[in-house]
Amino acid sequence: MARTDDFRIAPGDGLRYYAPESDRDRHDREGGYVILMLLVVLVLLAMATGQVTVFSY
């Protein structure tokens, strides 16, 4: 049996190919991740030095 556009092995999931993102979009997102990482490190450092109390006994 020949494959045609009507023949599908599995139902379509609705996903389509999107063009690759631009370098500017990727760099903007990477910058956001760097800022988020710095905030997490600062909070962990504050917890380690006792400036922020997470569990009060």
N, C-alpha and C. Protein backbone atom coordinates (compact mmCIF):
# COMPACT_ATOMS: atom_id res chain seq x y z
N MET A 1 0.85 -1.17 0.00
CA MET A 1 0.00 0.00 0.00
C MET A 1 0.90 1.23 0.00
N ALA A 2 0.62 2.17 -0.84
CA ALA A 2 1.44 3.38 -0.97
C ALA A 2 1.06 4.37 0.13
N ARG A 3 2.07 5.05 0.61
CA ARG A 3 1.81 6.08 1.63
C ARG A 3 1.27 7.34 0.98
N THR A 4 0.21 7.85 1.52
CA THR A 4 -0.34 9.11 1.05
C THR A 4 -0.49 10.03 2.24
N ASP A 5 -0.92 11.23 1.98
CA ASP A 5 -1.13 12.18 3.07
C ASP A 5 -2.27 11.75 3.99
N ASP A 6 -3.19 10.95 3.47
CA ASP A 6 -4.32 10.51 4.28
C ASP A 6 -3.93 9.38 5.23
N PHE A 7 -2.83 8.68 4.96
CA PHE A 7 -2.41 7.55 5.77
C PHE A 7 -1.50 8.03 6.88
N ARG A 8 -1.89 7.79 8.10
CA ARG A 8 -1.06 8.18 9.24
C ARG A 8 -0.92 6.98 10.17
N ILE A 9 0.26 6.82 10.71
CA ILE A 9 0.48 5.73 11.66
C ILE A 9 -0.19 6.05 12.99
N ALA A 10 -0.07 7.29 13.43
CA ALA A 10 -0.67 7.72 14.68
C ALA A 10 -1.41 9.02 14.44
N PRO A 11 -2.36 9.33 15.29
CA PRO A 11 -3.08 10.60 15.11
C PRO A 11 -2.15 11.78 15.31
N GLY A 12 -2.41 12.83 14.60
CA GLY A 12 -1.59 14.02 14.73
C GLY A 12 -1.76 14.67 16.08
N ASP A 13 -0.69 15.24 16.61
CA ASP A 13 -0.77 15.88 17.92
C ASP A 13 -0.93 17.38 17.81
N GLY A 14 -1.00 17.88 16.60
CA GLY A 14 -1.21 19.31 16.43
C GLY A 14 0.07 20.13 16.44
N LEU A 15 1.21 19.49 16.65
CA LEU A 15 2.47 20.22 16.66
C LEU A 15 2.93 20.49 15.25
N ARG A 16 3.45 21.67 15.06
CA ARG A 16 3.97 22.04 13.76
C ARG A 16 5.38 22.57 13.94
N TYR A 17 6.10 22.59 12.87
CA TYR A 17 7.47 23.11 12.90
C TYR A 17 7.43 24.62 12.97
N TYR A 18 8.16 25.16 13.91
CA TYR A 18 8.29 26.61 14.01
C TYR A 18 9.72 26.99 13.66
N ALA A 19 9.89 28.11 13.05
CA ALA A 19 11.22 28.57 12.66
C ALA A 19 12.08 28.74 13.90
N PRO A 20 13.38 28.54 13.77
CA PRO A 20 14.27 28.71 14.93
C PRO A 20 14.17 30.13 15.48
N GLU A 21 14.35 30.25 16.79
CA GLU A 21 14.26 31.56 17.40
C GLU A 21 15.47 32.41 17.03
N SER A 22 15.29 33.69 17.08
CA SER A 22 16.38 34.59 16.73
C SER A 22 17.43 34.60 17.84
N ASP A 23 18.62 35.04 17.49
CA ASP A 23 19.70 35.13 18.48
C ASP A 23 19.33 36.09 19.60
N ARG A 24 18.63 37.16 19.26
CA ARG A 24 18.25 38.15 20.27
C ARG A 24 17.29 37.54 21.30
N ASP A 25 16.32 36.76 20.84
CA ASP A 25 15.39 36.12 21.76
C ASP A 25 16.11 35.14 22.68
N ARG A 26 17.04 34.38 22.10
CA ARG A 26 17.77 33.40 22.90
C ARG A 26 18.65 34.09 23.94
N HIS A 27 19.31 35.18 23.56
CA HIS A 27 20.16 35.90 24.50
C HIS A 27 19.34 36.56 25.61
N ASP A 28 18.15 37.05 25.26
CA ASP A 28 17.28 37.64 26.28
C ASP A 28 16.87 36.60 27.31
N ARG A 29 16.54 35.41 26.86
CA ARG A 29 16.14 34.35 27.78
C ARG A 29 17.33 33.89 28.62
N GLU A 30 18.51 33.80 28.00
CA GLU A 30 19.69 33.40 28.75
C GLU A 30 20.01 34.42 29.83
N GLY A 31 19.81 35.69 29.53
CA GLY A 31 20.03 36.74 30.54
C GLY A 31 19.07 36.59 31.70
N GLY A 32 17.85 36.22 31.41
CA GLY A 32 16.87 36.00 32.47
C GLY A 32 17.26 34.84 33.36
N TYR A 33 17.80 33.79 32.76
CA TYR A 33 18.24 32.63 33.54
C TYR A 33 19.43 32.99 34.43
N VAL A 34 20.32 33.84 33.93
CA VAL A 34 21.48 34.26 34.73
C VAL A 34 21.01 35.07 35.94
N ILE A 35 20.07 35.96 35.74
CA ILE A 35 19.54 36.76 36.84
C ILE A 35 18.84 35.87 37.85
N LEU A 36 18.05 34.92 37.38
CA LEU A 36 17.37 33.98 38.28
C LEU A 36 18.38 33.16 39.08
N MET A 37 19.43 32.70 38.43
CA MET A 37 20.46 31.93 39.11
C MET A 37 21.15 32.76 40.19
N LEU A 38 21.43 34.03 39.90
CA LEU A 38 22.07 34.90 40.89
C LEU A 38 21.16 35.12 42.10
N LEU A 39 19.86 35.28 41.86
CA LEU A 39 18.93 35.45 42.97
C LEU A 39 18.87 34.19 43.85
N VAL A 40 18.87 33.03 43.22
CA VAL A 40 18.85 31.78 43.98
C VAL A 40 20.12 31.64 44.80
N VAL A 41 21.25 31.98 44.22
CA VAL A 41 22.53 31.89 44.94
C VAL A 41 22.53 32.86 46.12
N LEU A 42 22.01 34.06 45.93
CA LEU A 42 21.96 35.02 47.03
C LEU A 42 21.05 34.54 48.16
N VAL A 43 19.93 33.95 47.84
CA VAL A 43 19.02 33.43 48.87
C VAL A 43 19.67 32.27 49.60
N LEU A 44 20.33 31.37 48.87
CA LEU A 44 21.01 30.25 49.51
C LEU A 44 22.15 30.75 50.41
N LEU A 45 22.87 31.76 49.97
CA LEU A 45 23.94 32.32 50.78
C LEU A 45 23.39 32.98 52.04
N ALA A 46 22.28 33.69 51.91
CA ALA A 46 21.65 34.31 53.08
C ALA A 46 21.16 33.25 54.06
N MET A 47 20.64 32.14 53.55
CA MET A 47 20.20 31.06 54.44
C MET A 47 21.40 30.41 55.12
N ALA A 48 22.50 30.25 54.39
CA ALA A 48 23.67 29.59 54.96
C ALA A 48 24.32 30.44 56.04
N THR A 49 24.26 31.76 55.93
CA THR A 49 24.88 32.63 56.92
C THR A 49 23.95 32.96 58.07
N GLY A 50 22.70 32.54 58.00
CA GLY A 50 21.76 32.76 59.08
C GLY A 50 20.99 34.07 58.97
N GLN A 51 21.11 34.78 57.89
CA GLN A 51 20.39 36.04 57.71
C GLN A 51 18.90 35.78 57.46
N VAL A 52 18.59 34.65 56.85
CA VAL A 52 17.21 34.29 56.55
C VAL A 52 16.90 33.00 57.29
N THR A 53 15.81 33.00 58.04
CA THR A 53 15.41 31.81 58.78
C THR A 53 14.32 31.09 58.00
N VAL A 54 14.59 29.84 57.68
CA VAL A 54 13.63 29.03 56.94
C VAL A 54 12.83 28.18 57.91
N PHE A 55 13.51 27.51 58.82
CA PHE A 55 12.86 26.67 59.83
C PHE A 55 13.16 27.24 61.19
N SER A 56 12.11 27.58 61.93
CA SER A 56 12.33 28.09 63.29
C SER A 56 11.99 26.97 64.28
N TYR A 57 12.93 26.62 65.11
CA TYR A 57 12.73 25.53 66.07
C TYR A 57 12.43 26.10 67.42
